[in-house]
N, C-alpha and C. Protein backbone atom coordinates (compact mmCIF):
# COMPACT_ATOMS: atom_id res chain seq x y z
N MET A 1 65.06 97.99 114.20
CA MET A 1 66.33 98.48 113.74
C MET A 1 67.45 97.75 114.49
N ASP A 2 68.41 97.26 113.76
CA ASP A 2 69.54 96.55 114.36
C ASP A 2 70.56 97.53 114.89
N ALA A 3 71.16 97.15 115.98
CA ALA A 3 72.21 97.98 116.58
C ALA A 3 73.52 97.79 115.81
N LEU A 4 74.21 98.86 115.64
CA LEU A 4 75.52 98.81 114.99
C LEU A 4 76.55 98.33 116.00
N GLU A 5 77.26 97.30 115.64
CA GLU A 5 78.27 96.77 116.54
C GLU A 5 79.65 96.89 115.88
N VAL A 6 80.55 97.52 116.59
CA VAL A 6 81.92 97.68 116.09
C VAL A 6 82.82 96.76 116.92
N ARG A 7 83.54 95.93 116.22
CA ARG A 7 84.44 95.00 116.91
C ARG A 7 85.88 95.39 116.62
N PRO A 8 86.59 95.81 117.66
CA PRO A 8 87.99 96.17 117.44
C PRO A 8 88.83 94.94 117.15
N ASP A 9 89.79 95.10 116.24
CA ASP A 9 90.69 94.00 115.95
C ASP A 9 91.95 94.15 116.82
N PRO A 10 92.84 93.17 116.76
CA PRO A 10 94.04 93.24 117.61
C PRO A 10 94.88 94.51 117.39
N ARG A 11 94.93 94.99 116.15
CA ARG A 11 95.69 96.23 115.88
C ARG A 11 95.05 97.41 116.60
N ASP A 12 93.72 97.49 116.58
CA ASP A 12 93.01 98.57 117.28
C ASP A 12 93.35 98.55 118.77
N ARG A 13 93.33 97.37 119.36
CA ARG A 13 93.64 97.25 120.78
C ARG A 13 95.08 97.65 121.07
N ARG A 14 96.00 97.23 120.20
CA ARG A 14 97.41 97.58 120.36
C ARG A 14 97.60 99.09 120.28
N LEU A 15 97.00 99.71 119.28
CA LEU A 15 97.10 101.17 119.14
C LEU A 15 96.50 101.88 120.34
N ALA A 16 95.40 101.37 120.86
CA ALA A 16 94.77 101.98 122.03
C ALA A 16 95.68 101.90 123.25
N ARG A 17 96.36 100.75 123.43
CA ARG A 17 97.29 100.63 124.56
C ARG A 17 98.45 101.61 124.44
N TYR A 18 99.04 101.67 123.24
CA TYR A 18 100.15 102.61 123.04
C TYR A 18 99.68 104.06 123.20
N ALA A 19 98.52 104.38 122.66
CA ALA A 19 98.00 105.74 122.78
C ALA A 19 97.74 106.09 124.24
N ALA A 20 97.20 105.14 125.00
CA ALA A 20 96.96 105.38 126.42
C ALA A 20 98.28 105.67 127.16
N ALA A 21 99.32 104.91 126.82
CA ALA A 21 100.63 105.15 127.45
C ALA A 21 101.18 106.52 127.06
N ALA A 22 101.04 106.90 125.80
CA ALA A 22 101.53 108.21 125.34
C ALA A 22 100.73 109.34 125.98
N ILE A 23 99.43 109.17 126.10
CA ILE A 23 98.58 110.19 126.74
C ILE A 23 98.95 110.33 128.21
N ALA A 24 99.14 109.21 128.89
CA ALA A 24 99.53 109.25 130.30
C ALA A 24 100.88 109.97 130.46
N ALA A 25 101.82 109.67 129.57
CA ALA A 25 103.13 110.34 129.64
C ALA A 25 102.98 111.84 129.42
N SER A 26 102.11 112.23 128.51
CA SER A 26 101.88 113.66 128.26
C SER A 26 101.28 114.36 129.47
N LEU A 27 100.34 113.69 130.13
CA LEU A 27 99.70 114.28 131.30
C LEU A 27 100.66 114.38 132.48
N VAL A 28 101.51 113.38 132.65
CA VAL A 28 102.54 113.44 133.69
C VAL A 28 103.48 114.60 133.40
N GLU A 29 103.88 114.72 132.15
CA GLU A 29 104.79 115.78 131.74
C GLU A 29 104.18 117.17 131.96
N ALA A 30 102.87 117.30 131.72
CA ALA A 30 102.19 118.58 131.91
C ALA A 30 102.20 119.01 133.37
N ALA A 31 102.31 118.05 134.27
CA ALA A 31 102.33 118.36 135.71
C ALA A 31 103.72 118.75 136.20
N ILE A 32 104.75 118.53 135.39
CA ILE A 32 106.12 118.86 135.78
C ILE A 32 106.38 120.33 135.48
N PRO A 33 106.80 121.10 136.50
CA PRO A 33 107.09 122.51 136.22
C PRO A 33 108.26 122.65 135.26
N SER A 34 108.18 123.64 134.38
CA SER A 34 109.22 123.87 133.38
C SER A 34 109.92 125.19 133.66
N PRO A 35 111.26 125.20 133.61
CA PRO A 35 111.98 126.44 133.85
C PRO A 35 111.77 127.47 132.74
N LEU A 36 111.42 127.01 131.56
CA LEU A 36 111.20 127.88 130.42
C LEU A 36 109.97 127.38 129.68
N PRO A 37 108.98 128.25 129.44
CA PRO A 37 107.78 127.79 128.72
C PRO A 37 108.14 127.12 127.40
N GLY A 38 107.53 125.97 127.17
CA GLY A 38 107.77 125.25 125.93
C GLY A 38 108.88 124.22 126.01
N VAL A 39 109.66 124.23 127.07
CA VAL A 39 110.74 123.25 127.22
C VAL A 39 110.22 122.10 128.08
N LYS A 40 109.98 120.97 127.40
CA LYS A 40 109.48 119.77 128.08
C LYS A 40 110.26 118.57 127.56
N PRO A 41 110.34 117.53 128.37
CA PRO A 41 111.14 116.38 127.96
C PRO A 41 110.55 115.55 126.82
N GLY A 42 109.28 115.65 126.53
CA GLY A 42 108.70 114.87 125.43
C GLY A 42 108.63 113.39 125.74
N LEU A 43 108.17 113.06 126.93
CA LEU A 43 108.12 111.65 127.36
C LEU A 43 107.28 110.78 126.44
N ALA A 44 106.21 111.33 125.89
CA ALA A 44 105.36 110.55 124.98
C ALA A 44 106.12 110.12 123.74
N ASN A 45 107.17 110.84 123.40
CA ASN A 45 107.94 110.49 122.21
C ASN A 45 108.66 109.16 122.36
N ILE A 46 108.89 108.74 123.59
CA ILE A 46 109.47 107.41 123.82
C ILE A 46 108.51 106.35 123.29
N VAL A 47 107.24 106.53 123.60
CA VAL A 47 106.22 105.59 123.13
C VAL A 47 106.14 105.63 121.59
N ILE A 48 106.16 106.83 121.03
CA ILE A 48 106.07 106.97 119.57
C ILE A 48 107.24 106.25 118.90
N LEU A 49 108.44 106.40 119.45
CA LEU A 49 109.62 105.72 118.88
C LEU A 49 109.49 104.20 118.95
N ILE A 50 108.97 103.71 120.04
CA ILE A 50 108.79 102.26 120.19
C ILE A 50 107.79 101.76 119.15
N VAL A 51 106.69 102.48 118.99
CA VAL A 51 105.68 102.09 117.99
C VAL A 51 106.30 102.15 116.59
N LEU A 52 107.07 103.18 116.32
CA LEU A 52 107.71 103.32 115.00
C LEU A 52 108.60 102.12 114.69
N VAL A 53 109.42 101.73 115.63
CA VAL A 53 110.34 100.62 115.41
C VAL A 53 109.60 99.29 115.30
N ARG A 54 108.63 99.08 116.17
CA ARG A 54 107.94 97.78 116.21
C ARG A 54 106.86 97.62 115.14
N HIS A 55 106.16 98.73 114.82
CA HIS A 55 104.96 98.58 113.99
C HIS A 55 104.91 99.51 112.78
N GLY A 56 105.87 100.41 112.65
CA GLY A 56 105.93 101.25 111.46
C GLY A 56 105.39 102.66 111.66
N TRP A 57 105.62 103.46 110.62
CA TRP A 57 105.29 104.88 110.67
C TRP A 57 103.79 105.12 110.80
N ARG A 58 102.99 104.36 110.09
CA ARG A 58 101.53 104.57 110.10
C ARG A 58 100.96 104.43 111.51
N ASP A 59 101.36 103.38 112.22
CA ASP A 59 100.88 103.19 113.59
C ASP A 59 101.42 104.28 114.51
N ALA A 60 102.68 104.67 114.31
CA ALA A 60 103.25 105.74 115.11
C ALA A 60 102.48 107.04 114.89
N ALA A 61 102.07 107.30 113.65
CA ALA A 61 101.30 108.51 113.34
C ALA A 61 99.95 108.46 114.06
N TRP A 62 99.28 107.32 114.05
CA TRP A 62 98.00 107.20 114.74
C TRP A 62 98.15 107.47 116.23
N VAL A 63 99.16 106.87 116.84
CA VAL A 63 99.37 107.06 118.28
C VAL A 63 99.68 108.53 118.57
N SER A 64 100.47 109.15 117.73
CA SER A 64 100.81 110.56 117.93
C SER A 64 99.57 111.45 117.82
N VAL A 65 98.74 111.22 116.81
CA VAL A 65 97.52 112.03 116.63
C VAL A 65 96.58 111.82 117.81
N LEU A 66 96.40 110.58 118.22
CA LEU A 66 95.53 110.31 119.37
C LEU A 66 96.07 110.95 120.64
N ARG A 67 97.38 110.95 120.81
CA ARG A 67 98.00 111.57 121.97
C ARG A 67 97.74 113.07 121.99
N VAL A 68 97.93 113.73 120.85
CA VAL A 68 97.71 115.18 120.80
C VAL A 68 96.24 115.52 121.07
N LEU A 69 95.33 114.81 120.42
CA LEU A 69 93.91 115.10 120.59
C LEU A 69 93.42 114.80 122.01
N ALA A 70 93.62 113.57 122.45
CA ALA A 70 93.11 113.17 123.77
C ALA A 70 93.86 113.89 124.89
N GLY A 71 95.16 114.06 124.73
CA GLY A 71 95.93 114.76 125.76
C GLY A 71 95.46 116.19 125.93
N SER A 72 95.17 116.86 124.82
CA SER A 72 94.70 118.25 124.92
C SER A 72 93.29 118.32 125.51
N LEU A 73 92.46 117.35 125.17
CA LEU A 73 91.11 117.32 125.76
C LEU A 73 91.17 117.10 127.26
N LEU A 74 91.99 116.14 127.69
CA LEU A 74 92.09 115.83 129.12
C LEU A 74 92.76 116.95 129.91
N ALA A 75 93.66 117.69 129.27
CA ALA A 75 94.34 118.80 129.95
C ALA A 75 93.55 120.10 129.84
N GLY A 76 92.43 120.08 129.13
CA GLY A 76 91.63 121.28 128.98
C GLY A 76 92.25 122.30 128.04
N GLN A 77 93.05 121.84 127.08
CA GLN A 77 93.75 122.73 126.17
C GLN A 77 93.30 122.58 124.71
N PHE A 78 92.24 121.83 124.47
CA PHE A 78 91.81 121.59 123.10
C PHE A 78 91.45 122.91 122.42
N LEU A 79 92.03 123.13 121.25
CA LEU A 79 91.86 124.32 120.42
C LEU A 79 92.45 125.60 121.03
N ALA A 80 93.19 125.48 122.12
CA ALA A 80 93.95 126.60 122.68
C ALA A 80 95.28 126.68 121.93
N PRO A 81 96.01 127.78 122.06
CA PRO A 81 97.30 127.87 121.36
C PRO A 81 98.24 126.70 121.63
N GLY A 82 98.23 126.20 122.87
CA GLY A 82 99.09 125.06 123.19
C GLY A 82 98.76 123.82 122.38
N PHE A 83 97.49 123.64 122.10
CA PHE A 83 97.07 122.50 121.26
C PHE A 83 97.68 122.62 119.86
N PHE A 84 97.58 123.81 119.29
CA PHE A 84 98.09 124.00 117.93
C PHE A 84 99.61 123.90 117.89
N LEU A 85 100.28 124.37 118.94
CA LEU A 85 101.74 124.22 119.01
C LEU A 85 102.12 122.76 119.12
N SER A 86 101.39 122.02 119.95
CA SER A 86 101.65 120.58 120.09
C SER A 86 101.40 119.85 118.78
N ALA A 87 100.30 120.20 118.12
CA ALA A 87 99.95 119.55 116.85
C ALA A 87 100.99 119.87 115.78
N SER A 88 101.45 121.12 115.71
CA SER A 88 102.44 121.47 114.69
C SER A 88 103.76 120.76 114.96
N GLY A 89 104.14 120.66 116.23
CA GLY A 89 105.36 119.94 116.57
C GLY A 89 105.24 118.45 116.25
N ALA A 90 104.09 117.87 116.57
CA ALA A 90 103.88 116.45 116.29
C ALA A 90 103.89 116.19 114.79
N LEU A 91 103.25 117.06 114.02
CA LEU A 91 103.23 116.90 112.57
C LEU A 91 104.64 116.99 111.98
N ALA A 92 105.39 117.99 112.40
CA ALA A 92 106.77 118.14 111.90
C ALA A 92 107.62 116.94 112.29
N SER A 93 107.43 116.47 113.50
CA SER A 93 108.17 115.29 113.98
C SER A 93 107.82 114.06 113.16
N LEU A 94 106.53 113.86 112.89
CA LEU A 94 106.11 112.70 112.09
C LEU A 94 106.64 112.79 110.66
N LEU A 95 106.65 114.00 110.10
CA LEU A 95 107.20 114.16 108.75
C LEU A 95 108.70 113.82 108.73
N ALA A 96 109.42 114.25 109.75
CA ALA A 96 110.85 113.92 109.82
C ALA A 96 111.05 112.41 109.96
N LEU A 97 110.27 111.78 110.84
CA LEU A 97 110.40 110.33 111.03
C LEU A 97 110.02 109.59 109.75
N GLY A 98 109.02 110.08 109.05
CA GLY A 98 108.63 109.46 107.78
C GLY A 98 109.72 109.57 106.74
N ALA A 99 110.38 110.73 106.69
CA ALA A 99 111.47 110.92 105.73
C ALA A 99 112.66 110.03 106.05
N LEU A 100 112.87 109.75 107.33
CA LEU A 100 114.00 108.91 107.75
C LEU A 100 113.68 107.42 107.73
N GLN A 101 112.42 107.08 107.60
CA GLN A 101 112.00 105.68 107.67
C GLN A 101 112.74 104.75 106.71
N PRO A 102 113.03 105.17 105.47
CA PRO A 102 113.72 104.25 104.56
C PRO A 102 115.16 103.92 104.97
N LEU A 103 115.75 104.74 105.84
CA LEU A 103 117.14 104.47 106.24
C LEU A 103 117.22 103.23 107.12
N PRO A 104 118.21 102.39 106.89
CA PRO A 104 118.35 101.18 107.73
C PRO A 104 118.65 101.55 109.18
N ALA A 105 118.18 100.72 110.09
CA ALA A 105 118.39 100.96 111.52
C ALA A 105 119.87 101.00 111.88
N ARG A 106 120.70 100.31 111.13
CA ARG A 106 122.13 100.32 111.45
C ARG A 106 122.75 101.69 111.13
N TRP A 107 122.11 102.47 110.27
CA TRP A 107 122.59 103.82 109.94
C TRP A 107 122.05 104.84 110.93
N LEU A 108 120.80 104.65 111.32
CA LEU A 108 120.14 105.62 112.19
C LEU A 108 119.18 104.88 113.11
N GLY A 109 119.61 104.69 114.35
CA GLY A 109 118.80 103.95 115.31
C GLY A 109 117.83 104.86 116.05
N PRO A 110 117.28 104.36 117.16
CA PRO A 110 116.30 105.13 117.92
C PRO A 110 116.83 106.48 118.43
N VAL A 111 118.09 106.54 118.80
CA VAL A 111 118.63 107.80 119.32
C VAL A 111 118.70 108.84 118.21
N GLY A 112 119.22 108.47 117.06
CA GLY A 112 119.30 109.40 115.94
C GLY A 112 117.93 109.85 115.47
N ARG A 113 117.01 108.91 115.42
CA ARG A 113 115.64 109.26 115.01
C ARG A 113 114.98 110.16 116.05
N SER A 114 115.23 109.89 117.31
CA SER A 114 114.67 110.71 118.38
C SER A 114 115.18 112.15 118.32
N VAL A 115 116.48 112.31 118.08
CA VAL A 115 117.06 113.65 117.99
C VAL A 115 116.48 114.38 116.77
N ALA A 116 116.40 113.69 115.64
CA ALA A 116 115.82 114.31 114.44
C ALA A 116 114.37 114.73 114.68
N ALA A 117 113.60 113.87 115.33
CA ALA A 117 112.20 114.18 115.62
C ALA A 117 112.09 115.35 116.58
N ALA A 118 112.97 115.40 117.58
CA ALA A 118 112.94 116.50 118.55
C ALA A 118 113.27 117.83 117.88
N PHE A 119 114.26 117.83 116.99
CA PHE A 119 114.61 119.06 116.27
C PHE A 119 113.45 119.48 115.36
N ALA A 120 112.83 118.53 114.68
CA ALA A 120 111.70 118.86 113.81
C ALA A 120 110.53 119.39 114.63
N HIS A 121 110.31 118.80 115.79
CA HIS A 121 109.22 119.23 116.67
C HIS A 121 109.41 120.70 117.05
N ILE A 122 110.60 121.04 117.49
CA ILE A 122 110.89 122.43 117.88
C ILE A 122 110.76 123.36 116.68
N ALA A 123 111.28 122.94 115.54
CA ALA A 123 111.21 123.77 114.34
C ALA A 123 109.75 124.04 113.96
N GLY A 124 108.91 123.01 114.02
CA GLY A 124 107.50 123.17 113.71
C GLY A 124 106.81 124.13 114.67
N GLN A 125 107.14 124.01 115.94
CA GLN A 125 106.53 124.90 116.93
C GLN A 125 107.01 126.33 116.76
N LEU A 126 108.30 126.50 116.54
CA LEU A 126 108.82 127.86 116.34
C LEU A 126 108.22 128.52 115.11
N LEU A 127 108.09 127.75 114.06
CA LEU A 127 107.51 128.30 112.83
C LEU A 127 106.06 128.74 113.05
N LEU A 128 105.27 127.90 113.69
CA LEU A 128 103.89 128.27 113.96
C LEU A 128 103.82 129.47 114.90
N ALA A 129 104.63 129.45 115.95
CA ALA A 129 104.63 130.57 116.89
C ALA A 129 104.99 131.88 116.19
N ARG A 130 105.97 131.83 115.30
CA ARG A 130 106.38 133.04 114.57
C ARG A 130 105.27 133.51 113.62
N LEU A 131 104.62 132.59 112.94
CA LEU A 131 103.59 132.96 111.98
C LEU A 131 102.29 133.42 112.63
N TRP A 132 102.02 132.92 113.84
CA TRP A 132 100.71 133.14 114.43
C TRP A 132 100.75 133.92 115.75
N LEU A 133 101.59 133.50 116.68
CA LEU A 133 101.52 134.04 118.04
C LEU A 133 102.46 135.21 118.30
N VAL A 134 103.65 135.15 117.76
CA VAL A 134 104.67 136.18 118.01
C VAL A 134 105.20 136.66 116.66
N PRO A 135 104.51 137.62 116.05
CA PRO A 135 104.91 138.05 114.71
C PRO A 135 106.14 138.96 114.72
N HIS A 136 107.23 138.44 115.26
CA HIS A 136 108.48 139.20 115.33
C HIS A 136 109.64 138.22 115.27
N ASP A 137 110.66 138.58 114.49
CA ASP A 137 111.81 137.68 114.34
C ASP A 137 112.61 137.51 115.62
N GLY A 138 112.36 138.34 116.62
CA GLY A 138 113.05 138.19 117.90
C GLY A 138 112.79 136.84 118.55
N LEU A 139 111.68 136.22 118.18
CA LEU A 139 111.37 134.88 118.69
C LEU A 139 112.50 133.91 118.41
N PHE A 140 113.15 134.07 117.27
CA PHE A 140 114.21 133.14 116.89
C PHE A 140 115.46 133.27 117.75
N ASN A 141 115.54 134.31 118.58
CA ASN A 141 116.65 134.43 119.52
C ASN A 141 116.60 133.32 120.57
N LEU A 142 115.42 132.77 120.77
CA LEU A 142 115.25 131.65 121.71
C LEU A 142 115.59 130.30 121.10
N ALA A 143 115.76 130.26 119.79
CA ALA A 143 115.98 129.00 119.09
C ALA A 143 117.15 128.20 119.66
N PRO A 144 118.31 128.82 119.96
CA PRO A 144 119.41 128.01 120.50
C PRO A 144 119.05 127.29 121.80
N VAL A 145 118.28 127.94 122.66
CA VAL A 145 117.88 127.30 123.92
C VAL A 145 116.95 126.13 123.63
N PHE A 146 115.98 126.35 122.74
CA PHE A 146 115.04 125.28 122.42
C PHE A 146 115.72 124.11 121.71
N PHE A 147 116.64 124.41 120.80
CA PHE A 147 117.33 123.33 120.09
C PHE A 147 118.30 122.59 121.00
N ALA A 148 118.90 123.30 121.96
CA ALA A 148 119.76 122.62 122.95
C ALA A 148 118.93 121.65 123.78
N ALA A 149 117.75 122.10 124.20
CA ALA A 149 116.85 121.21 124.96
C ALA A 149 116.41 120.04 124.09
N ALA A 150 116.15 120.29 122.81
CA ALA A 150 115.75 119.21 121.90
C ALA A 150 116.87 118.19 121.77
N LEU A 151 118.10 118.65 121.71
CA LEU A 151 119.24 117.73 121.61
C LEU A 151 119.34 116.86 122.87
N VAL A 152 119.27 117.49 124.04
CA VAL A 152 119.40 116.75 125.29
C VAL A 152 118.24 115.75 125.45
N PHE A 153 117.02 116.25 125.33
CA PHE A 153 115.87 115.37 125.52
C PHE A 153 115.74 114.35 124.39
N GLY A 154 116.15 114.70 123.19
CA GLY A 154 116.13 113.76 122.08
C GLY A 154 117.07 112.58 122.35
N ILE A 155 118.26 112.89 122.87
CA ILE A 155 119.21 111.82 123.20
C ILE A 155 118.67 110.96 124.33
N VAL A 156 118.21 111.60 125.41
CA VAL A 156 117.71 110.85 126.57
C VAL A 156 116.52 109.96 126.17
N ASN A 157 115.55 110.53 125.46
CA ASN A 157 114.38 109.74 125.05
C ASN A 157 114.78 108.61 124.11
N GLY A 158 115.72 108.87 123.21
CA GLY A 158 116.18 107.83 122.29
C GLY A 158 116.87 106.69 123.02
N VAL A 159 117.68 107.04 124.01
CA VAL A 159 118.37 106.01 124.80
C VAL A 159 117.35 105.17 125.58
N VAL A 160 116.37 105.84 126.19
CA VAL A 160 115.33 105.11 126.93
C VAL A 160 114.55 104.19 125.98
N ALA A 161 114.16 104.72 124.82
CA ALA A 161 113.41 103.89 123.86
C ALA A 161 114.26 102.71 123.39
N ALA A 162 115.52 102.96 123.09
CA ALA A 162 116.41 101.86 122.64
C ALA A 162 116.54 100.80 123.72
N ARG A 163 116.65 101.24 124.94
CA ARG A 163 116.78 100.29 126.05
C ARG A 163 115.50 99.48 126.23
N LEU A 164 114.36 100.15 126.17
CA LEU A 164 113.08 99.43 126.30
C LEU A 164 112.89 98.45 125.14
N LEU A 165 113.27 98.86 123.94
CA LEU A 165 113.16 97.97 122.78
C LEU A 165 114.07 96.76 122.95
N ARG A 166 115.28 96.98 123.44
CA ARG A 166 116.21 95.88 123.63
C ARG A 166 115.76 94.95 124.74
N ASP A 167 115.31 95.53 125.86
CA ASP A 167 114.90 94.71 127.01
C ASP A 167 113.61 93.94 126.76
N ASN A 168 112.77 94.46 125.89
CA ASN A 168 111.47 93.81 125.63
C ASN A 168 111.40 93.20 124.23
N ALA A 169 112.53 92.93 123.66
CA ALA A 169 112.55 92.32 122.32
C ALA A 169 111.90 90.94 122.39
N ALA A 170 110.96 90.74 121.48
CA ALA A 170 110.31 89.42 121.47
C ALA A 170 109.85 89.07 120.09
């Protein structure tokens, strides 16, 4: 019987490098204490934005999915509520980025896309939390705090991604 040999192509290697960077950012972020549960800077989203700009939505989606899966496995959160909240936020964020993809970069650059993705991420998490974990509309009283954090971190991550894209343009 012949052994099955899988040979990764350059795209596979590129996606693996980006996914590794996004996973590392997620694990670093998990170690940072948060003043409010659920409020995190979303450092991995910097990587996702860079992949989106350089290689398109499909590659960004792959990196995001790999980040959620591997990050949750490494953090010991796979299939825990945090995993599902992360996955719902990532899915909502990817849907928002996909909807914005046809817009020219001169209309909406990395900062605008980052803010939109951050707002979608929070909205996806709040929706899942309301439907599954906290079946009470009082949860939405926290929305202004979460959306304010999304605005701040969305701007910061977008600026960092834009700077990295500019400095490493090739």
